[in-house]
Structures are given as C-alpha cells and as structure tokens.
C-alpha cells in the first residue's frame, strides 16, 4: 500500500515547517508564555501560509493541507490555537471542552469563542484569565452558558482529527531530538545509542510514532467516504492513539535525556508542556476508550480486514 502524501501536500508541509522554524520553534513558544505579541506573530506566520483560506469542511485537499500544517505546528510548539480557528463558526473559534471542567487553550486571545462537547452540544463560553500552570501554560478556565444548539458531528470529528495531527508533529519532533541525543551523548566511552537497552527503547518509541503517522493518514484519507458513525469512531480512535503514543514517546525522551529533558533549555520540555492540553483535553484517554466501547457493539468500529465489528 502506498501511503506517501501527494507531492503538492508534501511540498506544502516542507514550506510550513521551514516557516515555523524561522519563527523560532519551541524556544519562541517558551518566550510566548510571557510575551503575548508573539502569539499574534504566530498568527501572522499562519496567515502568510494561507492557513485561514483553507476550506477544511468541503475540500479533501484543503483538509490534508490543514493536517500537515497542524503537524508542522505541533513539531515547533507554535503558540496559537490553529485547529480552533481552522474550524471557526461565524468567525468564532471552536473549542472542544469538557462541560464538567471547561478549559480553553489560548482562550485569553482576543476574539470570540464557541465551545462544544464531544456529543456536539454547543455552549456560549466566557473565558477567564490565564493561570500560572506549567503544563498547558496557555490554558484558560472558562464558564459555559446553557446549551445553545448543536455543532455538527463532522466538526467535532475534524477537531479531534486535526488535533491528533498536531500531537503527531510533537511526537515526531521529540523522537528526533532523542535520537540525536543518544547518538551524540557519550557514556562509558561510547555513544548511548550503542547500548542495547537504549536501542530497544528508541525502537519501541519509533514503531509507536510510525504507527500513529500511518493511522493519521489512513483516518484522514477516508473522512468523506465513511458513514457518519464510523467517521466519529475513527476520530476517537485516532485521538486515543495519539494521546497514548505521546505519553510513551515523551516518557522515553525524558528518560534518555535525563535531567536535561526536564529543563526548558531543552526543546523536549517545551514540546511536552505545550502538548499536554491536547493529550489531556477535552477528556482523558480513559473516557475516550469508554466512548468507543458502545461503538463496537453498534457496528461503528471497523477493522482493516473484516469491515464493521458486530456485537
């Protein structure tokens, strides 16, 4: 099976990656925690790439372009709510929230917001001010109004899907940093990469990251060709896989970088802290898994070999 991205999409991905590296990467994201103007500069970088001209709801090609754009943003910890703005409704950014504890990443930015839960219930939302949290430094607690209509299920699925691509970018970047570190770091007269335990650990993380990449491409390739219920299950499965893979790869990166991995001088630390909001929100992996359980009995969960699974 050929899983390579189309040539024009691959070129767009490379251009986006170069633009975000020029913007500054994780260290600029670190600065953005205290310098708000950098987040507006990040939006300018996205606008330069034509990000907000993409029609992710109607064009399969634009959706794939948005996916690789989110991947590049994740790899550089771009400090801007790209997914939320790509799926804006009437000019208001769309945030996925847990109604029991609503929080919005970058919710303090100027502009309107709309919130929705995973069931598609829509809420008017009032973000508050930022906290001093280190994990998810741009997360803002929010107050929800009464339910106010519905958000299309397709928008919820796209939000989960594009957020997973952003996680993928962070995972791949953390793995690349780790590979370079174990190749360069000398221990007992030889590189860390020469120790068998290190090789096995990096290999396991690499397989997990590669699996996430293939699942992300497979999922987005069939967004328009599957029934709505199956598409929703696909989006949940991808987000669950993305969150679990991120935990594994980031844990491996911290272990192999040692104390350096927990210092913000290391890009791994910044990538980890800035990706936690996507890993943990809008709900935990356990809740995502429970939502999938009912889908198996309902025939919404497909395998690669047998079609829908029945109870």
C-alpha atoms as a PDB file:
ATOM      1  CA  UNK A   1       0.000   0.000   0.000  1.00  0.00           C
ATOM      2  CA  UNK A   2       1.336   3.430  -0.940  1.00  0.00           C
ATOM      3  CA  UNK A   3       0.906   5.795   1.994  1.00  0.00           C
ATOM      4  CA  UNK A   4       3.113   8.683   0.883  1.00  0.00           C
ATOM      5  CA  UNK A   5       1.475  12.094   0.845  1.00  0.00           C
ATOM      6  CA  UNK A   6       0.719  13.676  -2.548  1.00  0.00           C
ATOM      7  CA  UNK A   7       3.662  15.652  -3.871  1.00  0.00           C
ATOM      8  CA  UNK A   8       1.988  19.051  -3.568  1.00  0.00           C
ATOM      9  CA  UNK A   9       0.954  18.347   0.033  1.00  0.00           C
ATOM     10  CA  UNK A  10       4.466  17.160   0.900  1.00  0.00           C
ATOM     11  CA  UNK A  11       5.874  20.375  -0.570  1.00  0.00           C
ATOM     12  CA  UNK A  12       3.407  22.468   1.407  1.00  0.00           C
ATOM     13  CA  UNK A  13       4.388  20.567   4.566  1.00  0.00           C
ATOM     14  CA  UNK A  14       8.071  21.336   3.944  1.00  0.00           C
ATOM     15  CA  UNK A  15       7.351  25.026   3.355  1.00  0.00           C
ATOM     16  CA  UNK A  16       5.265  25.223   6.538  1.00  0.00           C
ATOM     17  CA  UNK A  17       7.970  23.501   8.568  1.00  0.00           C
ATOM     18  CA  UNK A  18      10.611  25.939   7.326  1.00  0.00           C
ATOM     19  CA  UNK A  19       8.371  28.939   8.059  1.00  0.00           C
ATOM     20  CA  UNK A  20       7.703  27.799  11.621  1.00  0.00           C
ATOM     21  CA  UNK A  21      11.387  27.070  12.220  1.00  0.00           C
ATOM     22  CA  UNK A  22      12.147  30.611  11.074  1.00  0.00           C
ATOM     23  CA  UNK A  23       9.524  31.839  13.505  1.00  0.00           C
ATOM     24  CA  UNK A  24      11.609  30.294  16.252  1.00  0.00           C
ATOM     25  CA  UNK A  25      10.348  26.851  17.179  1.00  0.00           C
ATOM     26  CA  UNK A  26       9.891  25.670  20.784  1.00  0.00           C
ATOM     27  CA  UNK A  27      12.135  28.346  22.278  1.00  0.00           C
ATOM     28  CA  UNK A  28       9.945  31.087  20.808  1.00  0.00           C
ATOM     29  CA  UNK A  29       6.911  29.229  22.171  1.00  0.00           C
ATOM     30  CA  UNK A  30       8.612  29.407  25.565  1.00  0.00           C
ATOM     31  CA  UNK A  31       9.019  33.165  25.200  1.00  0.00           C
ATOM     32  CA  UNK A  32       5.373  33.467  24.204  1.00  0.00           C
ATOM     33  CA  UNK A  33       4.401  32.380  27.710  1.00  0.00           C
ATOM     34  CA  UNK A  34       5.371  35.866  28.864  1.00  0.00           C
ATOM     35  CA  UNK A  35       5.277  37.890  25.622  1.00  0.00           C
ATOM     36  CA  UNK A  36       1.754  37.964  24.228  1.00  0.00           C
ATOM     37  CA  UNK A  37       2.764  39.708  20.994  1.00  0.00           C
ATOM     38  CA  UNK A  38       4.488  36.517  19.873  1.00  0.00           C
ATOM     39  CA  UNK A  39       1.152  34.728  19.644  1.00  0.00           C
ATOM     40  CA  UNK A  40      -0.117  37.342  17.221  1.00  0.00           C
ATOM     41  CA  UNK A  41       3.152  36.954  15.304  1.00  0.00           C
ATOM     42  CA  UNK A  42       2.411  33.223  15.135  1.00  0.00           C
ATOM     43  CA  UNK A  43      -0.960  34.009  13.580  1.00  0.00           C
ATOM     44  CA  UNK A  44       0.796  36.205  11.031  1.00  0.00           C
ATOM     45  CA  UNK A  45       3.072  33.281  10.126  1.00  0.00           C
ATOM     46  CA  UNK A  46      -0.009  31.102   9.615  1.00  0.00           C
ATOM     47  CA  UNK A  47      -1.692  33.770   7.529  1.00  0.00           C
ATOM     48  CA  UNK A  48       1.417  34.055   5.343  1.00  0.00           C
ATOM     49  CA  UNK A  49       0.987  30.358   4.550  1.00  0.00           C
ATOM     50  CA  UNK A  50      -2.675  30.811   3.647  1.00  0.00           C
ATOM     51  CA  UNK A  51      -3.821  28.737   6.602  1.00  0.00           C
ATOM     52  CA  UNK A  52      -7.086  30.587   7.085  1.00  0.00           C
ATOM     53  CA  UNK A  53      -8.010  30.305   3.422  1.00  0.00           C
ATOM     54  CA  UNK A  54      -8.219  26.515   3.698  1.00  0.00           C
ATOM     55  CA  UNK A  55     -11.717  25.065   3.408  1.00  0.00           C
ATOM     56  CA  UNK A  56     -11.297  22.075   5.705  1.00  0.00           C
ATOM     57  CA  UNK A  57     -15.018  21.219   5.715  1.00  0.00           C
ATOM     58  CA  UNK A  58     -15.570  20.929   1.966  1.00  0.00           C
ATOM     59  CA  UNK A  59     -12.244  20.227   0.258  1.00  0.00           C
ATOM     60  CA  UNK A  60     -10.368  16.963   0.815  1.00  0.00           C
ATOM     61  CA  UNK A  61      -7.171  18.546  -0.499  1.00  0.00           C
ATOM     62  CA  UNK A  62      -7.502  21.537   1.832  1.00  0.00           C
ATOM     63  CA  UNK A  63      -8.167  19.209   4.753  1.00  0.00           C
ATOM     64  CA  UNK A  64      -4.976  17.270   4.057  1.00  0.00           C
ATOM     65  CA  UNK A  65      -3.068  20.552   3.745  1.00  0.00           C
ATOM     66  CA  UNK A  66      -4.507  21.621   7.101  1.00  0.00           C
ATOM     67  CA  UNK A  67      -3.434  18.302   8.611  1.00  0.00           C
ATOM     68  CA  UNK A  68       0.224  18.691   7.632  1.00  0.00           C
ATOM     69  CA  UNK A  69       0.068  22.325   8.733  1.00  0.00           C
ATOM     70  CA  UNK A  70      -1.093  21.173  12.173  1.00  0.00           C
ATOM     71  CA  UNK A  71       1.684  18.569  12.161  1.00  0.00           C
ATOM     72  CA  UNK A  72       4.298  21.260  11.485  1.00  0.00           C
ATOM     73  CA  UNK A  73       2.759  23.479  14.166  1.00  0.00           C
ATOM     74  CA  UNK A  74       2.971  20.628  16.669  1.00  0.00           C
ATOM     75  CA  UNK A  75       6.619  19.976  15.835  1.00  0.00           C
ATOM     76  CA  UNK A  76       7.511  23.586  16.650  1.00  0.00           C
ATOM     77  CA  UNK A  77       5.019  24.091  19.509  1.00  0.00           C
ATOM     78  CA  UNK A  78       3.559  27.010  17.564  1.00  0.00           C
ATOM     79  CA  UNK A  79       1.818  29.155  20.209  1.00  0.00           C
ATOM     80  CA  UNK A  80      -1.540  29.615  18.522  1.00  0.00           C
ATOM     81  CA  UNK A  81      -4.907  27.730  18.554  1.00  0.00           C
ATOM     82  CA  UNK A  82      -4.661  26.710  14.922  1.00  0.00           C
ATOM     83  CA  UNK A  83      -7.237  23.903  14.988  1.00  0.00           C
ATOM     84  CA  UNK A  84      -9.809  26.046  16.782  1.00  0.00           C
ATOM     85  CA  UNK A  85      -9.510  28.801  14.192  1.00  0.00           C
ATOM     86  CA  UNK A  86      -9.500  26.471  11.190  1.00  0.00           C
ATOM     87  CA  UNK A  87     -12.919  25.269  12.388  1.00  0.00           C
ATOM     88  CA  UNK A  88     -14.287  28.676  13.343  1.00  0.00           C
ATOM     89  CA  UNK A  89     -18.069  29.117  13.138  1.00  0.00           C
ATOM     90  CA  UNK A  90     -19.238  32.558  12.022  1.00  0.00           C
ATOM     91  CA  UNK A  91     -15.853  33.974  12.950  1.00  0.00           C
ATOM     92  CA  UNK A  92     -15.788  32.450  16.441  1.00  0.00           C
ATOM     93  CA  UNK A  93     -13.084  29.878  17.203  1.00  0.00           C
ATOM     94  CA  UNK A  94     -14.432  26.412  18.031  1.00  0.00           C
ATOM     95  CA  UNK A  95     -13.062  24.827  21.212  1.00  0.00           C
ATOM     96  CA  UNK A  96     -13.771  21.289  22.407  1.00  0.00           C
ATOM     97  CA  UNK A  97     -14.403  21.238  26.155  1.00  0.00           C
ATOM     98  CA  UNK A  98     -15.415  19.001  28.998  1.00  0.00           C
ATOM     99  CA  UNK A  99     -18.543  20.697  30.444  1.00  0.00           C
ATOM    100  CA  UNK A 100     -17.618  19.461  33.925  1.00  0.00           C
ATOM    101  CA  UNK A 101     -14.292  21.349  33.862  1.00  0.00           C
ATOM    102  CA  UNK A 102     -14.194  23.647  30.817  1.00  0.00           C
ATOM    103  CA  UNK A 103     -10.792  24.966  29.809  1.00  0.00           C
ATOM    104  CA  UNK A 104      -9.696  26.515  26.537  1.00  0.00           C
ATOM    105  CA  UNK A 105      -6.167  26.603  25.175  1.00  0.00           C
ATOM    106  CA  UNK A 106      -5.255  30.221  24.328  1.00  0.00           C
ATOM    107  CA  UNK A 107      -8.710  31.252  25.463  1.00  0.00           C
ATOM    108  CA  UNK A 108      -7.367  34.645  26.559  1.00  0.00           C
ATOM    109  CA  UNK A 109      -6.634  35.708  22.974  1.00  0.00           C
ATOM    110  CA  UNK A 110      -8.819  38.478  21.536  1.00  0.00           C
ATOM    111  CA  UNK A 111     -11.827  37.269  19.571  1.00  0.00           C
ATOM    112  CA  UNK A 112     -14.986  35.242  20.064  1.00  0.00           C
ATOM    113  CA  UNK A 113     -15.213  31.595  21.057  1.00  0.00           C
ATOM    114  CA  UNK A 114     -17.784  28.834  20.785  1.00  0.00           C
ATOM    115  CA  UNK A 115     -17.477  25.703  22.914  1.00  0.00           C
ATOM    116  CA  UNK A 116     -18.774  22.211  22.211  1.00  0.00           C
ATOM    117  CA  UNK A 117     -18.535  18.890  23.992  1.00  0.00           C
ATOM    118  CA  UNK A 118     -17.869  15.577  22.285  1.00  0.00           C
ATOM    119  CA  UNK A 119     -21.601  14.969  21.875  1.00  0.00           C
ATOM    120  CA  UNK A 120     -21.885  18.143  19.806  1.00  0.00           C
ATOM    121  CA  UNK A 121     -23.771  20.231  22.372  1.00  0.00           C
ATOM    122  CA  UNK A 122     -22.927  23.872  21.774  1.00  0.00           C
ATOM    123  CA  UNK A 123     -22.335  26.431  24.526  1.00  0.00           C
ATOM    124  CA  UNK A 124     -21.738  30.128  24.720  1.00  0.00           C
ATOM    125  CA  UNK A 125     -18.487  30.488  26.590  1.00  0.00           C
ATOM    126  CA  UNK A 126     -16.754  33.146  28.663  1.00  0.00           C
ATOM    127  CA  UNK A 127     -13.002  32.510  29.054  1.00  0.00           C
ATOM    128  CA  UNK A 128     -11.293  33.938  32.111  1.00  0.00           C
ATOM    129  CA  UNK A 129      -7.641  34.908  32.600  1.00  0.00           C
ATOM    130  CA  UNK A 130      -4.639  32.622  32.369  1.00  0.00           C
ATOM    131  CA  UNK A 131      -3.244  30.735  35.324  1.00  0.00           C
ATOM    132  CA  UNK A 132       0.379  30.101  36.218  1.00  0.00           C
ATOM    133  CA  UNK A 133       0.238  26.395  35.361  1.00  0.00           C
ATOM    134  CA  UNK A 134       3.378  24.936  33.792  1.00  0.00           C
ATOM    135  CA  UNK A 135       1.590  22.093  31.997  1.00  0.00           C
ATOM    136  CA  UNK A 136      -0.538  23.655  29.296  1.00  0.00           C
ATOM    137  CA  UNK A 137       0.722  27.191  30.003  1.00  0.00           C
ATOM    138  CA  UNK A 138      -1.881  28.817  27.730  1.00  0.00           C
ATOM    139  CA  UNK A 139      -4.889  27.005  29.216  1.00  0.00           C
ATOM    140  CA  UNK A 140      -7.651  29.287  30.432  1.00  0.00           C
ATOM    141  CA  UNK A 141     -10.536  28.243  32.711  1.00  0.00           C
ATOM    142  CA  UNK A 142     -13.884  29.085  31.160  1.00  0.00           C
ATOM    143  CA  UNK A 143     -17.507  29.494  32.180  1.00  0.00           C
ATOM    144  CA  UNK A 144     -20.161  27.886  29.998  1.00  0.00           C
ATOM    145  CA  UNK A 145     -23.660  29.204  29.464  1.00  0.00           C
ATOM    146  CA  UNK A 146     -26.698  26.997  28.987  1.00  0.00           C
ATOM    147  CA  UNK A 147     -26.688  24.612  25.990  1.00  0.00           C
ATOM    148  CA  UNK A 148     -27.224  26.658  22.840  1.00  0.00           C
ATOM    149  CA  UNK A 149     -27.961  24.352  19.932  1.00  0.00           C
ATOM    150  CA  UNK A 150     -25.692  21.845  18.239  1.00  0.00           C
ATOM    151  CA  UNK A 151     -22.357  21.769  16.470  1.00  0.00           C
ATOM    152  CA  UNK A 152     -22.261  19.345  13.506  1.00  0.00           C
ATOM    153  CA  UNK A 153     -20.748  15.979  14.363  1.00  0.00           C
ATOM    154  CA  UNK A 154     -18.453  16.398  11.356  1.00  0.00           C
ATOM    155  CA  UNK A 155     -16.884  19.464  13.010  1.00  0.00           C
ATOM    156  CA  UNK A 156     -16.239  17.519  16.217  1.00  0.00           C
ATOM    157  CA  UNK A 157     -14.603  14.744  14.204  1.00  0.00           C
ATOM    158  CA  UNK A 158     -12.422  17.200  12.277  1.00  0.00           C
ATOM    159  CA  UNK A 159     -11.362  18.884  15.507  1.00  0.00           C
ATOM    160  CA  UNK A 160     -10.251  15.571  17.014  1.00  0.00           C
ATOM    161  CA  UNK A 161      -8.563  14.615  13.762  1.00  0.00           C
ATOM    162  CA  UNK A 162      -6.569  17.814  13.263  1.00  0.00           C
ATOM    163  CA  UNK A 163      -5.637  17.940  16.941  1.00  0.00           C
ATOM    164  CA  UNK A 164      -4.210  14.442  16.560  1.00  0.00           C
ATOM    165  CA  UNK A 165      -2.046  15.625  13.660  1.00  0.00           C
ATOM    166  CA  UNK A 166      -0.692  18.365  15.897  1.00  0.00           C
ATOM    167  CA  UNK A 167       0.151  15.767  18.549  1.00  0.00           C
ATOM    168  CA  UNK A 168       1.833  13.700  15.820  1.00  0.00           C
ATOM    169  CA  UNK A 169       4.132  16.589  14.962  1.00  0.00           C
ATOM    170  CA  UNK A 170       5.184  16.988  18.596  1.00  0.00           C
ATOM    171  CA  UNK A 171       5.775  13.236  18.926  1.00  0.00           C
ATOM    172  CA  UNK A 172       7.967  13.084  15.817  1.00  0.00           C
ATOM    173  CA  UNK A 173       9.994  16.109  16.890  1.00  0.00           C
ATOM    174  CA  UNK A 174      10.557  14.745  20.408  1.00  0.00           C
ATOM    175  CA  UNK A 175      11.682  11.437  18.911  1.00  0.00           C
ATOM    176  CA  UNK A 176      14.112  13.177  16.523  1.00  0.00           C
ATOM    177  CA  UNK A 177      15.640  15.129  19.415  1.00  0.00           C
ATOM    178  CA  UNK A 178      16.019  11.911  21.397  1.00  0.00           C
ATOM    179  CA  UNK A 179      17.664  10.077  18.509  1.00  0.00           C
ATOM    180  CA  UNK A 180      20.202  12.868  18.067  1.00  0.00           C
ATOM    181  CA  UNK A 181      20.892  12.945  21.779  1.00  0.00           C
ATOM    182  CA  UNK A 182      21.612   9.232  22.160  1.00  0.00           C
ATOM    183  CA  UNK A 183      23.820   9.326  19.054  1.00  0.00           C
ATOM    184  CA  UNK A 184      25.890  12.239  20.389  1.00  0.00           C
ATOM    185  CA  UNK A 185      25.920  11.605  24.146  1.00  0.00           C
ATOM    186  CA  UNK A 186      28.965   9.620  25.288  1.00  0.00           C
ATOM    187  CA  UNK A 187      28.729   7.263  28.258  1.00  0.00           C
ATOM    188  CA  UNK A 188      31.490   4.889  29.366  1.00  0.00           C
ATOM    189  CA  UNK A 189      33.445   5.721  26.241  1.00  0.00           C
ATOM    190  CA  UNK A 190      30.749   5.112  23.658  1.00  0.00           C
ATOM    191  CA  UNK A 191      27.506   6.737  22.443  1.00  0.00           C
ATOM    192  CA  UNK A 192      24.327   5.954  24.360  1.00  0.00           C
ATOM    193  CA  UNK A 193      22.890   4.608  21.121  1.00  0.00           C
ATOM    194  CA  UNK A 194      25.311   1.675  21.312  1.00  0.00           C
ATOM    195  CA  UNK A 195      23.721   0.306  24.472  1.00  0.00           C
ATOM    196  CA  UNK A 196      21.199  -2.420  23.715  1.00  0.00           C
ATOM    197  CA  UNK A 197      18.613  -1.225  26.236  1.00  0.00           C
ATOM    198  CA  UNK A 198      18.680   2.258  24.711  1.00  0.00           C
ATOM    199  CA  UNK A 199      18.299   0.838  21.205  1.00  0.00           C
ATOM    200  CA  UNK A 200      15.275  -1.217  22.221  1.00  0.00           C
ATOM    201  CA  UNK A 201      13.660   1.750  23.960  1.00  0.00           C
ATOM    202  CA  UNK A 202      14.142   4.047  20.965  1.00  0.00           C
ATOM    203  CA  UNK A 203      12.957   1.317  18.603  1.00  0.00           C
ATOM    204  CA  UNK A 204       9.728   0.864  20.570  1.00  0.00           C
ATOM    205  CA  UNK A 205       9.089   4.620  20.515  1.00  0.00           C
ATOM    206  CA  UNK A 206       9.868   4.779  16.795  1.00  0.00           C
ATOM    207  CA  UNK A 207       7.401   1.991  15.995  1.00  0.00           C
ATOM    208  CA  UNK A 208       4.704   3.743  18.040  1.00  0.00           C
ATOM    209  CA  UNK A 209       5.306   7.064  16.278  1.00  0.00           C
ATOM    210  CA  UNK A 210       5.308   5.409  12.856  1.00  0.00           C
ATOM    211  CA  UNK A 211       2.061   3.644  13.687  1.00  0.00           C
ATOM    212  CA  UNK A 212       0.457   6.922  14.711  1.00  0.00           C
ATOM    213  CA  UNK A 213       1.605   8.535  11.471  1.00  0.00           C
ATOM    214  CA  UNK A 214       0.088   5.773   9.339  1.00  0.00           C
ATOM    215  CA  UNK A 215      -3.151   5.779  11.320  1.00  0.00           C
ATOM    216  CA  UNK A 216      -3.418   9.572  10.960  1.00  0.00           C
ATOM    217  CA  UNK A 217      -3.034   9.340   7.182  1.00  0.00           C
ATOM    218  CA  UNK A 218      -5.462   6.427   6.941  1.00  0.00           C
ATOM    219  CA  UNK A 219      -8.079   8.197   9.048  1.00  0.00           C
ATOM    220  CA  UNK A 220      -7.981  11.485   7.182  1.00  0.00           C
ATOM    221  CA  UNK A 221      -7.978   9.745   3.798  1.00  0.00           C
ATOM    222  CA  UNK A 222     -11.439   8.291   4.435  1.00  0.00           C
ATOM    223  CA  UNK A 223     -13.113  11.226   6.139  1.00  0.00           C
ATOM    224  CA  UNK A 224     -15.518  11.733   3.229  1.00  0.00           C
ATOM    225  CA  UNK A 225     -16.024   8.085   2.333  1.00  0.00           C
ATOM    226  CA  UNK A 226     -17.405   6.567   5.545  1.00  0.00           C
ATOM    227  CA  UNK A 227     -20.789   6.797   7.287  1.00  0.00           C
ATOM    228  CA  UNK A 228     -21.032   9.441   9.998  1.00  0.00           C
ATOM    229  CA  UNK A 229     -20.975   6.948  12.876  1.00  0.00           C
ATOM    230  CA  UNK A 230     -17.880   5.195  11.562  1.00  0.00           C
ATOM    231  CA  UNK A 231     -16.170   8.535  10.919  1.00  0.00           C
ATOM    232  CA  UNK A 232     -16.772   9.549  14.534  1.00  0.00           C
ATOM    233  CA  UNK A 233     -15.332   6.270  15.783  1.00  0.00           C
ATOM    234  CA  UNK A 234     -12.300   6.790  13.536  1.00  0.00           C
ATOM    235  CA  UNK A 235     -11.709  10.238  15.043  1.00  0.00           C
ATOM    236  CA  UNK A 236     -11.954   8.914  18.600  1.00  0.00           C
ATOM    237  CA  UNK A 237      -9.603   6.020  17.850  1.00  0.00           C
ATOM    238  CA  UNK A 238      -7.035   8.363  16.307  1.00  0.00           C
ATOM    239  CA  UNK A 239      -7.153  10.760  19.254  1.00  0.00           C
ATOM    240  CA  UNK A 240      -6.827   7.880  21.727  1.00  0.00           C
ATOM    241  CA  UNK A 241      -3.837   6.508  19.818  1.00  0.00           C
ATOM    242  CA  UNK A 242      -2.283   9.984  19.584  1.00  0.00           C
ATOM    243  CA  UNK A 243      -2.583  10.611  23.330  1.00  0.00           C
ATOM    244  CA  UNK A 244      -1.192   7.189  24.270  1.00  0.00           C
ATOM    245  CA  UNK A 245       1.684   7.461  21.788  1.00  0.00           C
ATOM    246  CA  UNK A 246       2.559  10.944  23.011  1.00  0.00           C
ATOM    247  CA  UNK A 247       2.797   9.681  26.578  1.00  0.00           C
ATOM    248  CA  UNK A 248       5.062   6.817  25.531  1.00  0.00           C
ATOM    249  CA  UNK A 249       7.381   8.857  23.316  1.00  0.00           C
ATOM    250  CA  UNK A 250       7.644  11.819  25.682  1.00  0.00           C
ATOM    251  CA  UNK A 251       8.345   9.458  28.592  1.00  0.00           C
ATOM    252  CA  UNK A 252      11.108   7.840  26.538  1.00  0.00           C
ATOM    253  CA  UNK A 253      12.545  11.251  25.632  1.00  0.00           C
ATOM    254  CA  UNK A 254      12.656  12.345  29.271  1.00  0.00           C
ATOM    255  CA  UNK A 255      14.226   9.086  30.377  1.00  0.00           C
ATOM    256  CA  UNK A 256      17.000   9.182  27.793  1.00  0.00           C
ATOM    257  CA  UNK A 257      17.736  12.893  28.066  1.00  0.00           C
ATOM    258  CA  UNK A 258      17.839  12.634  31.844  1.00  0.00           C
ATOM    259  CA  UNK A 259      17.650  15.874  33.815  1.00  0.00           C
ATOM    260  CA  UNK A 260      18.103  17.871  30.608  1.00  0.00           C
ATOM    261  CA  UNK A 261      14.710  16.661  29.420  1.00  0.00           C
ATOM    262  CA  UNK A 262      13.002  18.493  32.272  1.00  0.00           C
ATOM    263  CA  UNK A 263      14.760  21.830  31.681  1.00  0.00           C
ATOM    264  CA  UNK A 264      13.227  24.378  29.336  1.00  0.00           C
ATOM    265  CA  UNK A 265      16.626  24.802  27.719  1.00  0.00           C
ATOM    266  CA  UNK A 266      15.676  21.524  26.050  1.00  0.00           C
ATOM    267  CA  UNK A 267      13.014  21.652  23.339  1.00  0.00           C
ATOM    268  CA  UNK A 268      11.598  18.364  24.653  1.00  0.00           C
ATOM    269  CA  UNK A 269      10.463  20.055  27.841  1.00  0.00           C
ATOM    270  CA  UNK A 270       8.683  22.823  25.921  1.00  0.00           C
ATOM    271  CA  UNK A 271       7.089  20.369  23.483  1.00  0.00           C
ATOM    272  CA  UNK A 272       5.854  18.252  26.364  1.00  0.00           C
ATOM    273  CA  UNK A 273       4.379  21.093  28.404  1.00  0.00           C
ATOM    274  CA  UNK A 274       2.711  22.727  25.416  1.00  0.00           C
ATOM    275  CA  UNK A 275       1.234  19.448  24.129  1.00  0.00           C
ATOM    276  CA  UNK A 276      -0.314  18.399  27.438  1.00  0.00           C
ATOM    277  CA  UNK A 277      -3.525  20.302  26.745  1.00  0.00           C
ATOM    278  CA  UNK A 278      -4.111  18.210  23.613  1.00  0.00           C
ATOM    279  CA  UNK A 279      -3.147  14.979  25.363  1.00  0.00           C
ATOM    280  CA  UNK A 280      -5.466  15.562  28.316  1.00  0.00           C
ATOM    281  CA  UNK A 281      -8.352  17.543  26.812  1.00  0.00           C
ATOM    282  CA  UNK A 282     -11.201  17.663  26.180  1.00  0.00           C
ATOM    283  CA  UNK A 283     -11.377  14.354  28.083  1.00  0.00           C
ATOM    284  CA  UNK A 284      -8.943  11.721  29.288  1.00  0.00           C
ATOM    285  CA  UNK A 285      -7.850   8.651  27.336  1.00  0.00           C
ATOM    286  CA  UNK A 286      -9.952   6.521  29.661  1.00  0.00           C
ATOM    287  CA  UNK A 287     -13.096   8.457  28.746  1.00  0.00           C
ATOM    288  CA  UNK A 288     -12.254   8.230  25.036  1.00  0.00           C
ATOM    289  CA  UNK A 289     -11.888   4.464  25.381  1.00  0.00           C
ATOM    290  CA  UNK A 290     -15.236   4.181  27.171  1.00  0.00           C
ATOM    291  CA  UNK A 291     -16.935   6.145  24.389  1.00  0.00           C
ATOM    292  CA  UNK A 292     -15.552   3.656  21.886  1.00  0.00           C
ATOM    293  CA  UNK A 293     -16.921   0.664  23.784  1.00  0.00           C
ATOM    294  CA  UNK A 294     -20.503   1.376  22.808  1.00  0.00           C
ATOM    295  CA  UNK A 295     -19.385   1.908  19.217  1.00  0.00           C
ATOM    296  CA  UNK A 296     -18.103  -1.656  18.973  1.00  0.00           C
ATOM    297  CA  UNK A 297     -21.498  -3.138  19.826  1.00  0.00           C
ATOM    298  CA  UNK A 298     -23.201  -0.680  17.493  1.00  0.00           C
ATOM    299  CA  UNK A 299     -21.131  -1.700  14.476  1.00  0.00           C
ATOM    300  CA  UNK A 300     -19.329   1.650  14.285  1.00  0.00           C
ATOM    301  CA  UNK A 301     -15.867   0.238  14.845  1.00  0.00           C
ATOM    302  CA  UNK A 302     -14.241  -1.032  11.654  1.00  0.00           C
ATOM    303  CA  UNK A 303     -11.167  -3.200  11.243  1.00  0.00           C
ATOM    304  CA  UNK A 304      -8.865  -3.254   8.249  1.00  0.00           C
ATOM    305  CA  UNK A 305      -9.849  -6.812   7.400  1.00  0.00           C
ATOM    306  CA  UNK A 306     -13.450  -7.573   8.270  1.00  0.00           C
ATOM    307  CA  UNK A 307     -15.431  -4.363   7.973  1.00  0.00           C
ATOM    308  CA  UNK A 308     -17.656  -3.272  10.849  1.00  0.00           C
ATOM    309  CA  UNK A 309     -17.368  -5.256  14.063  1.00  0.00           C
ATOM    310  CA  UNK A 310     -20.673  -6.582  15.369  1.00  0.00           C
ATOM    311  CA  UNK A 311     -21.529  -7.478  18.904  1.00  0.00           C
END
